Amino acid sequence: ARLWAIAAQTRLGLDAEGKEQSLQADCLTGLYARSIAPEVPAGEPNSVLVTISPGDLDEGIQGFIAYGDALVDDTGSAFERTDALRTGVVEGLPGCERDYCDLS
């Protein structure tokens, strides 16, 4: 998903660097996760083949914590990265645009 996010940054013409670029990619990674696991329509619990559990997102966040300390200046803190990922998952593209990706 992170590689998809980096490709999306290129496609969208986003030219941020360092921490700003990393947080954009984290938000877009959350957007990707949201897009592959759409909400289950009411009354149709078996209609979606792919789901994401909270544990799946926890694994991504564990990576932020385990590998992020040495790179905080370049990537953001584990808290900042988790917030960016959450924004993408919960709010989708509007949240990423508002908080991380100025597309205007």
C-alpha atoms as a PDB file:
ATOM      1  CA  ALA A   1       0.000   0.000   0.000  1.00  0.00           C
ATOM      2  CA  ARG A   2       2.879   2.358   0.701  1.00  0.00           C
ATOM      3  CA  LEU A   3       4.191   1.925  -2.849  1.00  0.00           C
ATOM      4  CA  TRP A   4       0.687   2.674  -4.185  1.00  0.00           C
ATOM      5  CA  ALA A   5       0.684   5.829  -2.053  1.00  0.00           C
ATOM      6  CA  ILE A   6       4.057   6.957  -3.416  1.00  0.00           C
ATOM      7  CA  ALA A   7       2.819   6.352  -6.973  1.00  0.00           C
ATOM      8  CA  ALA A   8      -0.327   8.360  -6.146  1.00  0.00           C
ATOM      9  CA  GLN A   9       1.822  11.255  -4.899  1.00  0.00           C
ATOM     10  CA  THR A  10       3.672  11.276  -8.216  1.00  0.00           C
ATOM     11  CA  ARG A  11       0.450  11.024 -10.207  1.00  0.00           C
ATOM     12  CA  LEU A  12      -1.147  13.860  -8.199  1.00  0.00           C
ATOM     13  CA  GLY A  13       1.916  16.049  -8.737  1.00  0.00           C
ATOM     14  CA  LEU A  14       2.651  16.389  -5.021  1.00  0.00           C
ATOM     15  CA  ASP A  15       6.209  17.565  -4.578  1.00  0.00           C
ATOM     16  CA  ALA A  16       6.641  17.612  -0.813  1.00  0.00           C
ATOM     17  CA  GLU A  17       9.850  16.399   0.755  1.00  0.00           C
ATOM     18  CA  GLY A  18      10.902  14.830   4.042  1.00  0.00           C
ATOM     19  CA  LYS A  19       8.372  14.636   6.831  1.00  0.00           C
ATOM     20  CA  GLU A  20       5.582  16.280   4.792  1.00  0.00           C
ATOM     21  CA  GLN A  21       6.037  13.741   1.984  1.00  0.00           C
ATOM     22  CA  SER A  22       6.052  10.865   4.459  1.00  0.00           C
ATOM     23  CA  LEU A  23       2.838  11.967   6.184  1.00  0.00           C
ATOM     24  CA  GLN A  24       1.147  12.407   2.787  1.00  0.00           C
ATOM     25  CA  ALA A  25       2.134   8.856   1.903  1.00  0.00           C
ATOM     26  CA  ASP A  26       0.828   7.580   5.257  1.00  0.00           C
ATOM     27  CA  CYS A  27      -2.531   9.272   4.690  1.00  0.00           C
ATOM     28  CA  LEU A  28      -2.741   7.909   1.147  1.00  0.00           C
ATOM     29  CA  THR A  29      -1.827   4.456   2.482  1.00  0.00           C
ATOM     30  CA  GLY A  30      -4.840   4.717   4.784  1.00  0.00           C
ATOM     31  CA  LEU A  31      -6.938   5.783   1.802  1.00  0.00           C
ATOM     32  CA  TYR A  32      -5.775   2.672  -0.064  1.00  0.00           C
ATOM     33  CA  ALA A  33      -6.724   0.466   2.903  1.00  0.00           C
ATOM     34  CA  ARG A  34     -10.143   2.114   2.976  1.00  0.00           C
ATOM     35  CA  SER A  35     -10.650   1.578  -0.751  1.00  0.00           C
ATOM     36  CA  ILE A  36      -9.914  -2.156  -0.751  1.00  0.00           C
ATOM     37  CA  ALA A  37     -12.246  -2.853   2.153  1.00  0.00           C
ATOM     38  CA  PRO A  38     -15.500  -1.053   1.405  1.00  0.00           C
ATOM     39  CA  GLU A  39     -18.222  -0.798   4.006  1.00  0.00           C
ATOM     40  CA  VAL A  40     -20.569  -3.765   4.200  1.00  0.00           C
ATOM     41  CA  PRO A  41     -24.050  -2.823   2.978  1.00  0.00           C
ATOM     42  CA  ALA A  42     -26.701  -3.123   5.686  1.00  0.00           C
ATOM     43  CA  GLY A  43     -28.342  -6.535   5.647  1.00  0.00           C
ATOM     44  CA  GLU A  44     -25.688  -8.050   3.365  1.00  0.00           C
ATOM     45  CA  PRO A  45     -22.858  -9.255   5.640  1.00  0.00           C
ATOM     46  CA  ASN A  46     -21.497 -11.701   3.049  1.00  0.00           C
ATOM     47  CA  SER A  47     -21.425  -9.240   0.141  1.00  0.00           C
ATOM     48  CA  VAL A  48     -17.851  -8.025   0.716  1.00  0.00           C
ATOM     49  CA  LEU A  49     -14.963 -10.401   0.122  1.00  0.00           C
ATOM     50  CA  VAL A  50     -12.193  -8.283   1.669  1.00  0.00           C
ATOM     51  CA  THR A  51     -12.329  -6.860   5.164  1.00  0.00           C
ATOM     52  CA  ILE A  52      -9.824  -5.127   7.387  1.00  0.00           C
ATOM     53  CA  SER A  53      -9.889  -5.723  11.094  1.00  0.00           C
ATOM     54  CA  PRO A  54      -8.520  -3.353  13.716  1.00  0.00           C
ATOM     55  CA  GLY A  55      -5.678  -5.845  14.173  1.00  0.00           C
ATOM     56  CA  ASP A  56      -4.588  -5.329  10.562  1.00  0.00           C
ATOM     57  CA  LEU A  57      -4.164  -1.609  11.129  1.00  0.00           C
ATOM     58  CA  ASP A  58      -2.418  -2.319  14.438  1.00  0.00           C
ATOM     59  CA  GLU A  59       0.312  -4.162  12.526  1.00  0.00           C
ATOM     60  CA  GLY A  60       1.004  -1.082  10.429  1.00  0.00           C
ATOM     61  CA  ILE A  61       1.133   1.086  13.522  1.00  0.00           C
ATOM     62  CA  GLN A  62       3.545  -1.358  15.195  1.00  0.00           C
ATOM     63  CA  GLY A  63       5.860  -0.781  12.242  1.00  0.00           C
ATOM     64  CA  PHE A  64       5.689   2.974  12.827  1.00  0.00           C
ATOM     65  CA  ILE A  65       6.675   2.415  16.454  1.00  0.00           C
ATOM     66  CA  ALA A  66       9.367  -0.213  15.850  1.00  0.00           C
ATOM     67  CA  TYR A  67      11.175   1.502  12.997  1.00  0.00           C
ATOM     68  CA  GLY A  68      10.366   5.162  13.420  1.00  0.00           C
ATOM     69  CA  ASP A  69      12.481   6.474  16.278  1.00  0.00           C
ATOM     70  CA  ALA A  70      15.666   6.978  14.272  1.00  0.00           C
ATOM     71  CA  LEU A  71      13.801   8.682  11.436  1.00  0.00           C
ATOM     72  CA  VAL A  72      11.409  11.019  13.285  1.00  0.00           C
ATOM     73  CA  ASP A  73      12.781  14.128  11.564  1.00  0.00           C
ATOM     74  CA  ASP A  74      12.360  12.551   8.119  1.00  0.00           C
ATOM     75  CA  THR A  75       9.094  10.633   8.583  1.00  0.00           C
ATOM     76  CA  GLY A  76       7.279  12.066  11.592  1.00  0.00           C
ATOM     77  CA  SER A  77       6.686  10.555  15.006  1.00  0.00           C
ATOM     78  CA  ALA A  78       4.716   7.343  15.463  1.00  0.00           C
ATOM     79  CA  PHE A  79       1.819   9.506  16.691  1.00  0.00           C
ATOM     80  CA  GLU A  80       1.910  11.780  13.636  1.00  0.00           C
ATOM     81  CA  ARG A  81       2.141   8.832  11.263  1.00  0.00           C
ATOM     82  CA  THR A  82      -0.711   7.013  13.015  1.00  0.00           C
ATOM     83  CA  ASP A  83      -2.860  10.136  12.800  1.00  0.00           C
ATOM     84  CA  ALA A  84      -2.141  10.446   9.066  1.00  0.00           C
ATOM     85  CA  LEU A  85      -2.967   6.763   8.458  1.00  0.00           C
ATOM     86  CA  ARG A  86      -6.154   7.086  10.501  1.00  0.00           C
ATOM     87  CA  THR A  87      -7.209  10.167   8.540  1.00  0.00           C
ATOM     88  CA  GLY A  88      -6.912   8.234   5.284  1.00  0.00           C
ATOM     89  CA  VAL A  89      -8.818   5.209   6.612  1.00  0.00           C
ATOM     90  CA  VAL A  90     -11.620   7.127   8.334  1.00  0.00           C
ATOM     91  CA  GLU A  91     -12.034  10.244   6.174  1.00  0.00           C
ATOM     92  CA  GLY A  92     -10.686   9.136   2.793  1.00  0.00           C
ATOM     93  CA  LEU A  93      -9.437  11.556   0.155  1.00  0.00           C
ATOM     94  CA  PRO A  94     -11.223  14.618   1.579  1.00  0.00           C
ATOM     95  CA  GLY A  95      -9.336  14.197   4.867  1.00  0.00           C
ATOM     96  CA  CYS A  96      -5.999  13.635   3.120  1.00  0.00           C
ATOM     97  CA  GLU A  97      -6.564  16.701   0.940  1.00  0.00           C
ATOM     98  CA  ARG A  98      -7.515  18.838   3.917  1.00  0.00           C
ATOM     99  CA  ASP A  99      -4.686  17.801   6.238  1.00  0.00           C
ATOM    100  CA  TYR A 100      -1.802  16.496   4.119  1.00  0.00           C
ATOM    101  CA  CYS A 101      -2.171  16.938   0.350  1.00  0.00           C
ATOM    102  CA  ASP A 102      -2.778  20.441  -0.919  1.00  0.00           C
ATOM    103  CA  LEU A 103      -4.183  19.727  -4.376  1.00  0.00           C
ATOM    104  CA  SER A 104      -5.324  23.274  -5.100  1.00  0.00           C
END
